[in-house]
Protein backbone atom coordinates (compact mmCIF):
# COMPACT_ATOMS: atom_id res chain seq x y z
CA MET A 1 378.36 -136.07 79.57
CA ASP A 2 378.49 -132.47 78.56
CA GLU A 3 374.76 -132.45 77.50
CA GLU A 4 373.88 -133.88 80.78
CA LYS A 5 375.60 -130.84 82.47
CA THR A 6 374.29 -128.56 80.37
CA LEU A 7 370.80 -129.93 81.00
CA LEU A 8 371.64 -130.51 84.41
CA GLN A 9 372.90 -126.60 84.61
CA GLN A 10 369.34 -125.45 82.63
CA ILE A 11 367.36 -127.10 85.13
CA ARG A 12 369.35 -125.35 88.08
CA GLU A 13 368.97 -121.90 86.31
CA LYS A 14 365.39 -122.20 86.01
CA GLU A 15 364.99 -123.82 89.62
CA GLN A 16 367.17 -120.37 90.53
CA GLU A 17 364.62 -118.04 88.52
CA TYR A 18 361.45 -119.65 90.35
CA ALA A 19 362.99 -119.67 93.31
CA GLU A 20 363.53 -115.84 92.80
CA LYS A 21 359.93 -115.36 91.48
CA LEU A 22 358.61 -116.99 94.59
CA GLY A 23 360.77 -114.91 96.67
CA GLU A 24 359.13 -111.58 94.95
CA VAL A 25 355.80 -113.08 95.43
CA LYS A 26 356.34 -113.88 98.64
CA LYS A 27 357.50 -110.65 99.28
CA GLU A 28 354.26 -108.95 97.80
CA THR A 29 352.19 -110.92 99.70
CA ASP A 30 353.86 -110.14 102.99
CA LEU A 31 353.53 -106.86 102.06
CA GLU A 32 349.69 -106.95 101.19
CA VAL A 33 349.22 -108.87 104.67
CA GLU A 34 350.90 -106.44 106.61
CA ALA A 35 348.79 -103.77 104.56
CA ALA A 36 345.16 -105.51 105.15
CA ARG A 37 346.34 -106.38 109.07
CA ASN A 38 347.00 -102.43 109.10
CA GLU A 39 343.67 -101.56 107.82
CA ALA A 40 341.67 -103.96 109.88
CA GLU A 41 343.67 -102.38 113.02
CA ALA A 42 342.47 -99.06 111.90
CA LEU A 43 338.94 -99.77 111.07
CA LEU A 44 338.93 -101.51 114.20
CA CYS A 45 339.77 -98.33 116.26
CA THR A 46 337.50 -96.47 113.92
CA SER A 47 334.49 -98.81 114.79
CA ASP A 48 335.50 -98.67 118.29
CA SER A 49 335.27 -94.73 118.52
CA ALA A 50 332.40 -94.45 116.80
CA GLY A 51 331.13 -97.20 119.13
CA LYS A 52 331.73 -95.21 122.40
CA ALA A 53 330.14 -92.05 120.59
CA GLU A 54 326.93 -93.76 120.01
CA ALA A 55 326.96 -95.15 123.33
CA GLU A 56 327.48 -92.00 124.80
CA ARG A 57 324.70 -90.25 123.08
CA LEU A 58 322.04 -93.00 124.23
CA TYR A 59 323.20 -92.32 127.84
CA TRP A 60 322.81 -88.76 127.30
CA GLU A 61 319.81 -89.14 125.60
CA GLY A 62 318.05 -92.00 128.37
CA LYS A 63 319.26 -89.44 130.94
CA GLY A 64 317.16 -86.57 129.64
CA LYS A 65 314.11 -88.83 129.25
CA ILE A 66 314.60 -90.08 132.50
CA GLU A 67 315.38 -86.89 134.08
CA ALA A 68 312.10 -85.68 132.12
CA ALA A 69 310.19 -88.47 133.68
CA ILE A 70 311.19 -87.68 137.02
CA GLY A 71 310.32 -83.92 136.76
CA GLU A 72 306.82 -84.74 135.70
CA LEU A 73 306.39 -87.85 138.79
CA LYS A 74 307.58 -84.84 140.95
CA GLN A 75 304.99 -82.53 139.44
CA GLU A 76 302.70 -85.16 140.09
CA ALA A 77 303.47 -85.83 143.68
CA GLU A 78 303.52 -82.23 144.39
CA ALA A 79 299.89 -81.66 142.97
CA GLU A 80 298.71 -85.11 145.10
CA ARG A 81 300.17 -83.21 147.90
CA THR A 82 298.60 -79.99 147.75
CA ALA A 83 295.07 -81.68 146.90
CA ALA A 84 295.55 -83.69 149.82
CA ALA A 85 296.44 -80.73 152.01
CA ALA A 86 293.27 -78.58 150.82
CA MET A 87 291.18 -81.88 151.95
CA GLY A 88 292.79 -81.92 155.13
CA GLU A 89 292.20 -78.50 155.45
CA LYS A 90 288.59 -78.71 154.40
CA ASN A 91 287.85 -81.35 157.17
CA ILE A 92 289.61 -79.55 159.99
CA PRO A 93 286.34 -78.01 161.26
CA ARG A 94 284.96 -81.45 161.36
CA ALA A 95 287.62 -82.99 163.05
CA VAL A 96 288.12 -80.52 165.66
CA ASP A 97 284.02 -80.87 166.47
CA ALA A 98 284.42 -84.54 166.62
CA ILE A 99 287.77 -84.38 168.88
CA THR A 100 285.90 -81.89 171.43
CA GLY A 101 282.68 -83.74 171.23
CA TYR A 102 284.52 -86.69 172.33
CA VAL A 103 286.71 -85.21 175.04
CA THR A 104 284.12 -83.16 176.17
CA MET A 105 281.39 -86.30 175.43
CA GLU A 106 278.83 -84.11 174.11
């Protein structure tokens, strides 16, 4: 019976030894998982900031292009208005003659 107790005690000691090792491994694993979570969170914050900065850069770049296009359109419209006004001024004498001829019935 003494041998069985000794063998049983040895088994229990091994179980305790493995339980302690398992506990240590679990602690190490938990620490590594927590470190990975922290790193992932930091990467998310960094990528979020980078994304916002890139979006703002694209916004201002696009806005600049649109403003340049608007400026060009305004210049074209002004040139067309000036050309139309010049053509109108050239036709005023003929229009006056046509209107006065119609009114006076000449």
